């Protein structure tokens, strides 16, 4: 079983930045595909960004503002969020996929964290 734990959420003003971290257990972290999703109040969960061993993929709504990265030596994935907008307010979830592929559907991920709240004030 792989444990996934997010951290780094908080309250920030519009235009500000936050960096989320996602620590995953297991010896094969480098082989996992990692993804970030979010769920805003009253809305469905949506894809934000994904990273495989060598590629990244972003939702159009965050492209150019968010950057996903990973440090395999630390078993950690990151989501750098810049130029934040009030509509980015949501609970952000990190997920890990055994397949290692670049995945944008939540159903393709095997392990999920509990989420971290991001609130952007106007």
Protein backbone atom coordinates (compact mmCIF):
# COMPACT_ATOMS: atom_id res chain seq x y z
CA UNK A 1 0.00 0.00 0.00
CA UNK A 2 1.31 3.45 -0.93
CA UNK A 3 0.59 6.36 1.37
CA UNK A 4 0.17 9.79 -0.21
CA UNK A 5 0.25 12.94 1.92
CA UNK A 6 -0.26 16.49 0.66
CA UNK A 7 0.92 19.65 2.36
CA UNK A 8 1.40 23.32 1.62
CA UNK A 9 -2.14 24.58 1.26
CA UNK A 10 -3.33 27.81 2.83
CA UNK A 11 -4.85 31.23 2.31
CA UNK A 12 -3.33 33.56 -0.26
CA UNK A 13 -4.39 36.75 -2.00
CA UNK A 14 -5.18 36.81 -5.69
CA UNK A 15 -1.99 37.07 -7.70
CA UNK A 16 0.02 35.27 -5.06
CA UNK A 17 1.78 31.91 -5.08
CA UNK A 18 1.76 28.64 -3.19
CA UNK A 19 3.70 25.43 -3.54
CA UNK A 20 2.00 22.17 -2.71
CA UNK A 21 4.01 19.08 -1.82
CA UNK A 22 3.00 15.45 -2.15
CA UNK A 23 5.03 12.84 -0.28
CA UNK A 24 4.51 9.23 -1.31
CA UNK A 25 5.78 6.12 0.42
CA UNK A 26 7.27 3.15 -1.37
CA UNK A 27 10.53 2.19 -2.99
CA UNK A 28 9.31 2.63 -6.55
CA UNK A 29 8.21 6.27 -6.45
CA UNK A 30 10.20 7.06 -9.58
CA UNK A 31 8.04 4.65 -11.57
CA UNK A 32 4.71 6.19 -10.52
CA UNK A 33 2.73 8.60 -12.57
CA UNK A 34 1.74 11.49 -10.30
CA UNK A 35 -1.19 13.82 -10.63
CA UNK A 36 -2.90 16.76 -8.99
CA UNK A 37 -6.66 17.21 -8.94
CA UNK A 38 -8.93 19.69 -7.22
CA UNK A 39 -12.51 19.96 -6.06
CA UNK A 40 -14.11 23.34 -5.57
CA UNK A 41 -17.22 23.77 -3.40
CA UNK A 42 -20.27 22.45 -5.22
CA UNK A 43 -18.27 21.24 -8.19
CA UNK A 44 -16.94 17.95 -9.50
CA UNK A 45 -13.33 16.94 -9.04
CA UNK A 46 -11.20 18.16 -11.93
CA UNK A 47 -7.79 17.38 -13.30
CA UNK A 48 -5.04 19.96 -12.74
CA UNK A 49 -1.69 18.50 -13.77
CA UNK A 50 0.18 15.24 -14.25
CA UNK A 51 3.78 14.12 -14.49
CA UNK A 52 5.28 10.89 -15.73
CA UNK A 53 8.98 10.01 -15.72
CA UNK A 54 9.73 12.53 -18.43
CA UNK A 55 6.65 14.51 -19.38
CA UNK A 56 4.07 16.87 -17.95
CA UNK A 57 0.50 17.72 -18.84
CA UNK A 58 -1.77 20.52 -17.66
CA UNK A 59 -5.39 21.48 -17.68
CA UNK A 60 -6.00 24.51 -19.87
CA UNK A 61 -7.22 26.48 -16.86
CA UNK A 62 -3.81 26.35 -15.17
CA UNK A 63 -1.43 26.18 -18.12
CA UNK A 64 1.24 28.85 -17.85
CA UNK A 65 0.50 29.49 -14.16
CA UNK A 66 1.07 26.11 -12.49
CA UNK A 67 4.12 23.85 -12.72
CA UNK A 68 4.24 20.21 -11.68
CA UNK A 69 7.58 18.63 -10.83
CA UNK A 70 9.02 15.72 -8.90
CA UNK A 71 12.08 14.86 -6.85
CA UNK A 72 12.49 11.09 -6.96
CA UNK A 73 15.24 11.20 -4.36
CA UNK A 74 12.75 12.65 -1.89
CA UNK A 75 9.73 10.62 -3.04
CA UNK A 76 7.93 13.92 -3.48
CA UNK A 77 5.93 15.66 -6.18
CA UNK A 78 5.23 19.38 -6.21
CA UNK A 79 2.72 21.79 -7.64
CA UNK A 80 3.99 25.35 -7.91
CA UNK A 81 1.00 27.66 -8.29
CA UNK A 82 1.58 31.23 -9.43
CA UNK A 83 -0.77 34.06 -10.36
CA UNK A 84 -3.49 32.47 -8.28
CA UNK A 85 -7.10 33.43 -8.89
CA UNK A 86 -10.15 33.16 -6.63
CA UNK A 87 -11.46 30.43 -8.93
CA UNK A 88 -8.45 28.31 -7.98
CA UNK A 89 -9.96 27.94 -4.51
CA UNK A 90 -10.47 24.22 -3.88
CA UNK A 91 -9.27 21.20 -2.01
CA UNK A 92 -6.25 19.92 -3.90
CA UNK A 93 -5.57 16.19 -4.05
CA UNK A 94 -2.44 14.34 -5.04
CA UNK A 95 -2.64 10.91 -6.61
CA UNK A 96 -0.20 8.19 -7.66
CA UNK A 97 -0.57 5.69 -10.48
CA UNK A 98 1.36 2.42 -10.70
CA UNK A 99 1.28 2.60 -14.47
CA UNK A 100 3.67 5.53 -14.55
CA UNK A 101 1.86 7.07 -17.48
CA UNK A 102 0.74 10.65 -18.00
CA UNK A 103 -2.87 10.42 -16.82
CA UNK A 104 -5.66 12.97 -16.59
CA UNK A 105 -8.55 10.77 -15.42
CA UNK A 106 -8.92 10.23 -11.71
CA UNK A 107 -10.10 6.67 -12.21
CA UNK A 108 -6.66 5.76 -13.58
CA UNK A 109 -4.94 6.56 -10.30
CA UNK A 110 -4.41 3.96 -7.61
CA UNK A 111 -3.55 5.95 -4.50
CA UNK A 112 -4.91 9.24 -3.19
CA UNK A 113 -4.09 11.68 -0.45
CA UNK A 114 -6.56 13.32 1.90
CA UNK A 115 -6.30 16.71 0.26
CA UNK A 116 -5.10 20.17 1.25
CA UNK A 117 -7.21 23.32 1.19
CA UNK A 118 -6.19 26.24 -1.02
CA UNK A 119 -8.14 29.47 -0.61
CA UNK A 120 -7.50 32.49 -2.83
CA UNK A 121 -9.03 35.74 -1.67
CA UNK A 122 -9.94 38.55 -4.04
